Amino acid sequence: MATLTLDRITKRFGALTVIPELSLTIPDGAFCVLVGPSGCGKSTLLRIIAGLEPMSSGRLLIDGVDMSGAEPPERGVAMVFQSYALYPHMTVGRNIGFGLEIARTARADIVDRVGRAAEKLKLGAYLSRKPRELSGGQRQRVAIGRAMTRKPKLFLLDEPLSNLDAALRVGMRVEIARLKAELASTMIYVTHDQVEAMTLADMIVVMNGGRIEQVGAPLDLYERPESLFVAGFIGSPAMNFLPGRVVVARDGRATVALDLGPRIDVALSRPVDAGAAVTLGIRPEHVQLVAPEAAVWRGPAAVVEMLGSDTFLHLSTGGDNLLVRDSKGRRARRGEEIGVAFPADACHLFDAAGVRVSRDRAPALEGAA
């Protein structure tokens, strides 16, 4: 295992800066997920860590040793690529152990390491097959096994599940979660899929435009997003955003008049001015369904999605729909008028720059999913 420190690194391609000055520490043994939309710089950052892409400035330290100019083999890293990168003419066994062959590892040691990797990844029955005889999920496991045999300090995975179908993605996500507990390596995983990030990570780094938006544990980012970007990116389905204006702001609280009509009283973490444009965010599972006569707002159900365990109600607001998640099996009809309330302790408030200005909500809401 190893601690990785990125100290004010930048990356430029000519006049284009893709990663402005960035600093980050990933602790020893962490499973860190770099997540963000396409083009946010996460794969470039991973390639810099691997030594496949030179940084423009800054320092990269592994266990306190400056490895900024070190070649990939010197860094003690192993990387799993999105495209598998298997040798088609080699068997599964040789693919898994080929890196050890290149390093002139003793034959007995190669056989032992390949056997242990194959056992952990349930590939023992496939060692004599060629990659073309395997499914996509099996090929990805071979690529992971090849990285495992090197006993890396840093285990790097670049969108390893993106080429798999939905069912295989779920299965491989479970396999990687299981491996996470068994491998004695610091793991850094790149994905644009926030579900993968939430289910696998100890630590999530949300990136946007080459910059770090927020770093934290999955539930910390879900419960306490520091920006409108993080609030919208983390969570499935996405958070509802309701525009409004501050009517009154004093004594650490603000009354917000939503464009929908209702007023919400929110605790503040920093001052805002009366009259300021703001955005109120609330997760679909935290919108409360109430009788129409007791509602702070009512609207027709434009779409009703019944998924068995949950029902998703898309309420027409005249603009964007308000999404409500109901886990109590409500059987609503399209066009039915639905009454809702917005609990203040479930609301997140963001200023015009997209920065969070509300205080942390309560740890849990009664009846929240």
Foldseek 3Di string as FASTA:
>chain_A
DKKKWWFQWWADDVVRTQAGGAIDIDDFLFAEEEAEDPSLCPVVVLCQLQQNDQIPDTFMDINNHTCNPPHNVVQQEAEQEQVLPFDQVAFLLCRLQVVVVVVVHDPVLSVVLSVVLCVLLVNVVRRRPGPVVDDLLVSLSSSQSSRVSSLGQEYEYEANCPPDDPVSSVVVLVSVQVVSVVRSHHYYYYDNDLVSVLVRGQKYFYGGSNYTQDIHGLVCLQQPPFFQRSQQRHDVPGKDKFKWFWADWDPQWTWTQTPLGAIAIFGWPDGDDGGFIKIKIFHQLQKAWDDQVPASGKFFFQDWDCDPQWIWTFGDSVPGTRIHIDRPRDDDDGGDMTGTYHDRLRMWMAGPVGGTTGDGGPPDDVSGD
